[in-house]
Amino acid sequence: MILIFLIIMVIRAIDFPIAQPVVEEIDCIPFKPVPLSNVTFIAGINSSNESIDEVRLIAQECMEDVCFIDSSNISMNYSYSCCMDFYETQLQLTREDATQIKYHLEILSNGTWYMYNTSFIPMAKNSNENIINPEKNQTPGFEFISALISMLIILFYLYKN
């Protein structure tokens, strides 16, 4: 009887490893978002023997190699389809000068947080980048041509008089 009790206690003390959930795919819609737009993230997660308590998207907007200090930590909504769990959320982009989005998932499963690989999404150029900014893209010397024509008109008027 003591031997059975000891065997039960040893079995209960052994911490059997629990398989962590597997992120099968992460989709970003639109594929190349423009700055200041809404982006939808959809993650397909295979959680065959685990219970997933929460999935969070951690995202930062970056300009080239430097990421802005503010980051988003958004809870993802659950939906089920056929053989896989799907989690979805929307991210509102806030930086006009961002060129890419850096993101990763954090999943709470069976009381343990798992962090999945960090990825980058390149961003498309802003659609209103073609609008001429009065401080940018001006042709140098345009004022000189106007001044030269004005002086020629004044000289011609003075020469006539």
Foldseek 3Di string as FASTA:
>chain_A
DVVVVVVVVVVVPDDDDDDDKDWPDKDWPPQAAAAQAKIKIKIWIQDPPWDWDWKWKWKFFAAVPGTDPDIDTGTWDWDDDDRTIMTMDMDGGDDNRGFKMKIWMWIQIPNDIDIDDIDIGGHDYDPPPPDDDPVDDDDPPPVVVVVVVVVVVVVVVVVVD
